[in-house]
Amino acid sequence: MRPLHEILLPTDFSPRSADVARYAAGVARHFSSQITLLHVLPPVNLAFAAFGSCAMLDEVLTHQNEETCDELRHRK
């Protein structure tokens, strides 16, 4: 197998994606690879955004995702 220098890991933070993240971490350790985590936020409801709360919603979702990423980063 050719060495993997970078691994792109899409996730939805579900339990199943956590299993895949553990597997990817093992592969990354084996090849001394860097993992880039990819998570796409769901589309914002335009009716909600019309009230000027879109920035607040983005801030809350970003904070939640950062916490989840920190938890994943510290798991072994």
PDB file of N, CA and C in Angstrom:
ATOM      1  N   MET A   1       0.851  -1.185   0.000  1.00  0.00           N
ATOM      2  CA  MET A   1       0.000   0.000   0.000  1.00  0.00           C
ATOM      3  C   MET A   1       0.889   1.238   0.000  1.00  0.00           C
ATOM      4  N   ARG A   2       0.537   2.196  -0.828  1.00  0.00           N
ATOM      5  CA  ARG A   2       1.276   3.460  -0.865  1.00  0.00           C
ATOM      6  C   ARG A   2       1.033   4.232   0.418  1.00  0.00           C
ATOM      7  N   PRO A   3       2.038   4.961   0.881  1.00  0.00           N
ATOM      8  CA  PRO A   3       1.846   5.736   2.112  1.00  0.00           C
ATOM      9  C   PRO A   3       0.810   6.843   1.914  1.00  0.00           C
ATOM     10  N   LEU A   4       0.055   7.078   2.941  1.00  0.00           N
ATOM     11  CA  LEU A   4      -0.960   8.130   2.922  1.00  0.00           C
ATOM     12  C   LEU A   4      -0.428   9.317   3.723  1.00  0.00           C
ATOM     13  N   HIS A   5      -0.270  10.437   3.072  1.00  0.00           N
ATOM     14  CA  HIS A   5       0.253  11.609   3.766  1.00  0.00           C
ATOM     15  C   HIS A   5      -0.870  12.414   4.404  1.00  0.00           C
ATOM     16  N   GLU A   6      -2.014  12.413   3.766  1.00  0.00           N
ATOM     17  CA  GLU A   6      -3.161  13.154   4.279  1.00  0.00           C
ATOM     18  C   GLU A   6      -4.418  12.297   4.136  1.00  0.00           C
ATOM     19  N   ILE A   7      -5.291  12.407   5.130  1.00  0.00           N
ATOM     20  CA  ILE A   7      -6.563  11.687   5.114  1.00  0.00           C
ATOM     21  C   ILE A   7      -7.675  12.711   5.302  1.00  0.00           C
ATOM     22  N   LEU A   8      -8.622  12.735   4.379  1.00  0.00           N
ATOM     23  CA  LEU A   8      -9.800  13.590   4.518  1.00  0.00           C
ATOM     24  C   LEU A   8     -10.896  12.735   5.125  1.00  0.00           C
ATOM     25  N   LEU A   9     -11.372  13.149   6.290  1.00  0.00           N
ATOM     26  CA  LEU A   9     -12.351  12.358   7.038  1.00  0.00           C
ATOM     27  C   LEU A   9     -13.668  13.118   7.153  1.00  0.00           C
ATOM     28  N   PRO A  10     -14.646  12.813   6.293  1.00  0.00           N
ATOM     29  CA  PRO A  10     -15.956  13.442   6.445  1.00  0.00           C
ATOM     30  C   PRO A  10     -16.678  12.835   7.646  1.00  0.00           C
ATOM     31  N   THR A  11     -17.423  13.655   8.358  1.00  0.00           N
ATOM     32  CA  THR A  11     -18.132  13.165   9.537  1.00  0.00           C
ATOM     33  C   THR A  11     -19.441  13.910   9.743  1.00  0.00           C
ATOM     34  N   ASP A  12     -20.381  13.213  10.359  1.00  0.00           N
ATOM     35  CA  ASP A  12     -21.619  13.858  10.804  1.00  0.00           C
ATOM     36  C   ASP A  12     -21.719  13.775  12.325  1.00  0.00           C
ATOM     37  N   PHE A  13     -20.642  13.338  12.978  1.00  0.00           N
ATOM     38  CA  PHE A  13     -20.528  13.195  14.431  1.00  0.00           C
ATOM     39  C   PHE A  13     -21.477  12.148  15.002  1.00  0.00           C
ATOM     40  N   SER A  14     -21.918  11.240  14.168  1.00  0.00           N
ATOM     41  CA  SER A  14     -22.755  10.141  14.651  1.00  0.00           C
ATOM     42  C   SER A  14     -21.858   9.074  15.275  1.00  0.00           C
ATOM     43  N   PRO A  15     -22.448   8.133  16.032  1.00  0.00           N
ATOM     44  CA  PRO A  15     -21.640   7.037  16.594  1.00  0.00           C
ATOM     45  C   PRO A  15     -20.896   6.248  15.513  1.00  0.00           C
ATOM     46  N   ARG A  16     -21.532   6.026  14.396  1.00  0.00           N
ATOM     47  CA  ARG A  16     -20.883   5.285  13.310  1.00  0.00           C
ATOM     48  C   ARG A  16     -19.687   6.064  12.765  1.00  0.00           C
ATOM     49  N   SER A  17     -19.818   7.370  12.628  1.00  0.00           N
ATOM     50  CA  SER A  17     -18.682   8.149  12.120  1.00  0.00           C
ATOM     51  C   SER A  17     -17.557   8.205  13.154  1.00  0.00           C
ATOM     52  N   ALA A  18     -17.894   8.084  14.439  1.00  0.00           N
ATOM     53  CA  ALA A  18     -16.860   8.016  15.479  1.00  0.00           C
ATOM     54  C   ALA A  18     -16.053   6.726  15.326  1.00  0.00           C
ATOM     55  N   ASP A  19     -16.718   5.635  14.968  1.00  0.00           N
ATOM     56  CA  ASP A  19     -16.009   4.377  14.710  1.00  0.00           C
ATOM     57  C   ASP A  19     -15.042   4.539  13.537  1.00  0.00           C
ATOM     58  N   VAL A  20     -15.501   5.202  12.491  1.00  0.00           N
ATOM     59  CA  VAL A  20     -14.653   5.422  11.318  1.00  0.00           C
ATOM     60  C   VAL A  20     -13.477   6.333  11.691  1.00  0.00           C
ATOM     61  N   ALA A  21     -13.727   7.318  12.546  1.00  0.00           N
ATOM     62  CA  ALA A  21     -12.656   8.224  12.981  1.00  0.00           C
ATOM     63  C   ALA A  21     -11.574   7.458  13.742  1.00  0.00           C
ATOM     64  N   ARG A  22     -11.977   6.508  14.580  1.00  0.00           N
ATOM     65  CA  ARG A  22     -10.989   5.690  15.301  1.00  0.00           C
ATOM     66  C   ARG A  22     -10.153   4.871  14.314  1.00  0.00           C
ATOM     67  N   TYR A  23     -10.796   4.312  13.319  1.00  0.00           N
ATOM     68  CA  TYR A  23     -10.087   3.545  12.297  1.00  0.00           C
ATOM     69  C   TYR A  23      -9.110   4.453  11.545  1.00  0.00           C
ATOM     70  N   ALA A  24      -9.579   5.631  11.146  1.00  0.00           N
ATOM     71  CA  ALA A  24      -8.727   6.582  10.422  1.00  0.00           C
ATOM     72  C   ALA A  24      -7.545   7.016  11.286  1.00  0.00           C
ATOM     73  N   ALA A  25      -7.767   7.165  12.592  1.00  0.00           N
ATOM     74  CA  ALA A  25      -6.676   7.545  13.493  1.00  0.00           C
ATOM     75  C   ALA A  25      -5.598   6.465  13.518  1.00  0.00           C
ATOM     76  N   GLY A  26      -6.013   5.204  13.506  1.00  0.00           N
ATOM     77  CA  GLY A  26      -5.049   4.110  13.464  1.00  0.00           C
ATOM     78  C   GLY A  26      -4.244   4.113  12.171  1.00  0.00           C
ATOM     79  N   VAL A  27      -4.917   4.341  11.059  1.00  0.00           N
ATOM     80  CA  VAL A  27      -4.231   4.416   9.767  1.00  0.00           C
ATOM     81  C   VAL A  27      -3.271   5.607   9.765  1.00  0.00           C
ATOM     82  N   ALA A  28      -3.729   6.723  10.308  1.00  0.00           N
ATOM     83  CA  ALA A  28      -2.894   7.928  10.358  1.00  0.00           C
ATOM     84  C   ALA A  28      -1.643   7.697  11.208  1.00  0.00           C
ATOM     85  N   ARG A  29      -1.802   7.002  12.337  1.00  0.00           N
ATOM     86  CA  ARG A  29      -0.634   6.691  13.166  1.00  0.00           C
ATOM     87  C   ARG A  29       0.344   5.806  12.401  1.00  0.00           C
ATOM     88  N   HIS A  30      -0.175   4.815  11.716  1.00  0.00           N
ATOM     89  CA  HIS A  30       0.670   3.880  10.969  1.00  0.00           C
ATOM     90  C   HIS A  30       1.504   4.589   9.904  1.00  0.00           C
ATOM     91  N   PHE A  31       0.896   5.503   9.183  1.00  0.00           N
ATOM     92  CA  PHE A  31       1.575   6.199   8.090  1.00  0.00           C
ATOM     93  C   PHE A  31       2.088   7.588   8.478  1.00  0.00           C
ATOM     94  N   SER A  32       1.932   7.971   9.744  1.00  0.00           N
ATOM     95  CA  SER A  32       2.294   9.330  10.182  1.00  0.00           C
ATOM     96  C   SER A  32       1.584  10.371   9.316  1.00  0.00           C
ATOM     97  N   SER A  33       0.308  10.134   9.094  1.00  0.00           N
ATOM     98  CA  SER A  33      -0.505  11.000   8.236  1.00  0.00           C
ATOM     99  C   SER A  33      -1.170  12.102   9.041  1.00  0.00           C
ATOM    100  N   GLN A  34      -1.593  13.109   8.336  1.00  0.00           N
ATOM    101  CA  GLN A  34      -2.400  14.180   8.921  1.00  0.00           C
ATOM    102  C   GLN A  34      -3.858  13.923   8.553  1.00  0.00           C
ATOM    103  N   ILE A  35      -4.753  14.089   9.529  1.00  0.00           N
ATOM    104  CA  ILE A  35      -6.185  13.938   9.268  1.00  0.00           C
ATOM    105  C   ILE A  35      -6.823  15.322   9.200  1.00  0.00           C
ATOM    106  N   THR A  36      -7.585  15.545   8.154  1.00  0.00           N
ATOM    107  CA  THR A  36      -8.404  16.750   8.043  1.00  0.00           C
ATOM    108  C   THR A  36      -9.850  16.319   8.196  1.00  0.00           C
ATOM    109  N   LEU A  37     -10.509  16.854   9.206  1.00  0.00           N
ATOM    110  CA  LEU A  37     -11.899  16.521   9.487  1.00  0.00           C
ATOM    111  C   LEU A  37     -12.806  17.464   8.698  1.00  0.00           C
ATOM    112  N   LEU A  38     -13.803  16.897   8.022  1.00  0.00           N
ATOM    113  CA  LEU A  38     -14.739  17.694   7.226  1.00  0.00           C
ATOM    114  C   LEU A  38     -16.150  17.484   7.756  1.00  0.00           C
ATOM    115  N   HIS A  39     -16.762  18.574   8.166  1.00  0.00           N
ATOM    116  CA  HIS A  39     -18.156  18.528   8.610  1.00  0.00           C
ATOM    117  C   HIS A  39     -18.873  19.709   7.988  1.00  0.00           C
ATOM    118  N   VAL A  40     -19.980  19.441   7.344  1.00  0.00           N
ATOM    119  CA  VAL A  40     -20.757  20.486   6.698  1.00  0.00           C
ATOM    120  C   VAL A  40     -21.979  20.754   7.541  1.00  0.00           C
ATOM    121  N   LEU A  41     -22.193  22.014   7.872  1.00  0.00           N
ATOM    122  CA  LEU A  41     -23.365  22.388   8.658  1.00  0.00           C
ATOM    123  C   LEU A  41     -24.608  22.297   7.784  1.00  0.00           C
ATOM    124  N   PRO A  42     -25.733  21.949   8.395  1.00  0.00           N
ATOM    125  CA  PRO A  42     -26.971  21.886   7.604  1.00  0.00           C
ATOM    126  C   PRO A  42     -27.365  23.281   7.131  1.00  0.00           C
ATOM    127  N   PRO A  43     -28.123  23.351   6.053  1.00  0.00           N
ATOM    128  CA  PRO A  43     -28.561  24.665   5.566  1.00  0.00           C
ATOM    129  C   PRO A  43     -29.394  25.383   6.621  1.00  0.00           C
ATOM    130  N   VAL A  44     -29.260  26.680   6.660  1.00  0.00           N
ATOM    131  CA  VAL A  44     -30.012  27.501   7.611  1.00  0.00           C
ATOM    132  C   VAL A  44     -31.390  27.775   7.032  1.00  0.00           C
ATOM    133  N   ASN A  45     -32.391  27.639   7.858  1.00  0.00           N
ATOM    134  CA  ASN A  45     -33.756  27.951   7.453  1.00  0.00           C
ATOM    135  C   ASN A  45     -33.846  29.445   7.163  1.00  0.00           C
ATOM    136  N   LEU A  46     -34.230  29.798   5.944  1.00  0.00           N
ATOM    137  CA  LEU A  46     -34.268  31.207   5.551  1.00  0.00           C
ATOM    138  C   LEU A  46     -35.271  32.008   6.367  1.00  0.00           C
ATOM    139  N   ALA A  47     -36.334  31.381   6.830  1.00  0.00           N
ATOM    140  CA  ALA A  47     -37.301  32.096   7.667  1.00  0.00           C
ATOM    141  C   ALA A  47     -36.640  32.500   8.978  1.00  0.00           C
ATOM    142  N   PHE A  48     -35.800  31.635   9.524  1.00  0.00           N
ATOM    143  CA  PHE A  48     -35.080  31.943  10.762  1.00  0.00           C
ATOM    144  C   PHE A  48     -34.070  33.062  10.508  1.00  0.00           C
ATOM    145  N   ALA A  49     -33.383  32.993   9.361  1.00  0.00           N
ATOM    146  CA  ALA A  49     -32.376  33.994   9.022  1.00  0.00           C
ATOM    147  C   ALA A  49     -33.004  35.370   8.805  1.00  0.00           C
ATOM    148  N   ALA A  50     -34.255  35.407   8.395  1.00  0.00           N
ATOM    149  CA  ALA A  50     -34.928  36.678   8.129  1.00  0.00           C
ATOM    150  C   ALA A  50     -35.071  37.526   9.387  1.00  0.00           C
ATOM    151  N   PHE A  51     -35.026  36.904  10.554  1.00  0.00           N
ATOM    152  CA  PHE A  51     -35.148  37.648  11.808  1.00  0.00           C
ATOM    153  C   PHE A  51     -33.797  38.143  12.326  1.00  0.00           C
ATOM    154  N   GLY A  52     -32.745  38.009  11.517  1.00  0.00           N
ATOM    155  CA  GLY A  52     -31.440  38.520  11.906  1.00  0.00           C
ATOM    156  C   GLY A  52     -30.691  37.614  12.867  1.00  0.00           C
ATOM    157  N   SER A  53     -31.136  36.379  13.031  1.00  0.00           N
ATOM    158  CA  SER A  53     -30.502  35.478  13.983  1.00  0.00           C
ATOM    159  C   SER A  53     -29.527  34.511  13.301  1.00  0.00           C
ATOM    160  N   CYS A  54     -29.287  34.691  12.034  1.00  0.00           N
ATOM    161  CA  CYS A  54     -28.432  33.780  11.307  1.00  0.00           C
ATOM    162  C   CYS A  54     -27.022  33.760  11.898  1.00  0.00           C
ATOM    163  N   ALA A  55     -26.481  34.912  12.233  1.00  0.00           N
ATOM    164  CA  ALA A  55     -25.133  34.976  12.809  1.00  0.00           C
ATOM    165  C   ALA A  55     -25.095  34.261  14.150  1.00  0.00           C
ATOM    166  N   MET A  56     -26.145  34.431  14.953  1.00  0.00           N
ATOM    167  CA  MET A  56     -26.203  33.761  16.250  1.00  0.00           C
ATOM    168  C   MET A  56     -26.283  32.244  16.065  1.00  0.00           C
ATOM    169  N   LEU A  57     -27.087  31.794  15.131  1.00  0.00           N
ATOM    170  CA  LEU A  57     -27.207  30.377  14.858  1.00  0.00           C
ATOM    171  C   LEU A  57     -25.875  29.808  14.390  1.00  0.00           C
ATOM    172  N   ASP A  58     -25.201  30.520  13.511  1.00  0.00           N
ATOM    173  CA  ASP A  58     -23.893  30.085  13.025  1.00  0.00           C
ATOM    174  C   ASP A  58     -22.906  29.975  14.185  1.00  0.00           C
ATOM    175  N   GLU A  59     -22.933  30.927  15.088  1.00  0.00           N
ATOM    176  CA  GLU A  59     -22.030  30.915  16.249  1.00  0.00           C
ATOM    177  C   GLU A  59     -22.301  29.701  17.145  1.00  0.00           C
ATOM    178  N   VAL A  60     -23.558  29.425  17.411  1.00  0.00           N
ATOM    179  CA  VAL A  60     -23.925  28.288  18.260  1.00  0.00           C
ATOM    180  C   VAL A  60     -23.510  26.974  17.605  1.00  0.00           C
ATOM    181  N   LEU A  61     -23.810  26.797  16.325  1.00  0.00           N
ATOM    182  CA  LEU A  61     -23.450  25.553  15.621  1.00  0.00           C
ATOM    183  C   LEU A  61     -21.938  25.387  15.537  1.00  0.00           C
ATOM    184  N   THR A  62     -21.231  26.476  15.289  1.00  0.00           N
ATOM    185  CA  THR A  62     -19.771  26.408  15.225  1.00  0.00           C
ATOM    186  C   THR A  62     -19.199  26.009  16.575  1.00  0.00           C
ATOM    187  N   HIS A  63     -19.714  26.579  17.648  1.00  0.00           N
ATOM    188  CA  HIS A  63     -19.243  26.248  19.003  1.00  0.00           C
ATOM    189  C   HIS A  63     -19.495  24.763  19.310  1.00  0.00           C
ATOM    190  N   GLN A  64     -20.674  24.278  18.985  1.00  0.00           N
ATOM    191  CA  GLN A  64     -20.991  22.866  19.226  1.00  0.00           C
ATOM    192  C   GLN A  64     -20.050  21.957  18.446  1.00  0.00           C
ATOM    193  N   ASN A  65     -19.788  22.300  17.204  1.00  0.00           N
ATOM    194  CA  ASN A  65     -18.894  21.484  16.382  1.00  0.00           C
ATOM    195  C   ASN A  65     -17.461  21.535  16.889  1.00  0.00           C
ATOM    196  N   GLU A  66     -17.013  22.684  17.382  1.00  0.00           N
ATOM    197  CA  GLU A  66     -15.668  22.779  17.941  1.00  0.00           C
ATOM    198  C   GLU A  66     -15.541  21.897  19.184  1.00  0.00           C
ATOM    199  N   GLU A  67     -16.572  21.877  20.026  1.00  0.00           N
ATOM    200  CA  GLU A  67     -16.541  21.017  21.209  1.00  0.00           C
ATOM    201  C   GLU A  67     -16.467  19.541  20.800  1.00  0.00           C
ATOM    202  N   THR A  68     -17.253  19.157  19.802  1.00  0.00           N
ATOM    203  CA  THR A  68     -17.243  17.774  19.345  1.00  0.00           C
ATOM    204  C   THR A  68     -15.885  17.421  18.756  1.00  0.00           C
ATOM    205  N   CYS A  69     -15.293  18.321  17.997  1.00  0.00           N
ATOM    206  CA  CYS A  69     -13.968  18.076  17.429  1.00  0.00           C
ATOM    207  C   CYS A  69     -12.932  17.914  18.543  1.00  0.00           C
ATOM    208  N   ASP A  70     -13.013  18.745  19.577  1.00  0.00           N
ATOM    209  CA  ASP A  70     -12.088  18.619  20.705  1.00  0.00           C
ATOM    210  C   ASP A  70     -12.234  17.263  21.385  1.00  0.00           C
ATOM    211  N   GLU A  71     -13.471  16.802  21.555  1.00  0.00           N
ATOM    212  CA  GLU A  71     -13.697  15.486  22.157  1.00  0.00           C
ATOM    213  C   GLU A  71     -13.079  14.388  21.304  1.00  0.00           C
ATOM    214  N   LEU A  72     -13.275  14.453  19.994  1.00  0.00           N
ATOM    215  CA  LEU A  72     -12.702  13.455  19.087  1.00  0.00           C
ATOM    216  C   LEU A  72     -11.180  13.498  19.110  1.00  0.00           C
ATOM    217  N   ARG A  73     -10.634  14.694  19.188  1.00  0.00           N
ATOM    218  CA  ARG A  73      -9.187  14.851  19.171  1.00  0.00           C
ATOM    219  C   ARG A  73      -8.535  14.197  20.390  1.00  0.00           C
ATOM    220  N   HIS A  74      -9.229  14.194  21.518  1.00  0.00           N
ATOM    221  CA  HIS A  74      -8.660  13.697  22.765  1.00  0.00           C
ATOM    222  C   HIS A  74      -8.989  12.226  23.036  1.00  0.00           C
ATOM    223  N   ARG A  75      -9.804  11.597  22.192  1.00  0.00           N
ATOM    224  CA  ARG A  75     -10.094  10.174  22.333  1.00  0.00           C
ATOM    225  C   ARG A  75      -8.913   9.351  21.860  1.00  0.00           C
ATOM    226  N   LYS A  76      -8.782   8.192  22.441  1.00  0.00           N
ATOM    227  CA  LYS A  76      -7.701   7.280  22.010  1.00  0.00           C
ATOM    228  C   LYS A  76      -8.286   6.008  21.485  1.00  0.00           C
TER     229      LYS A  76
END
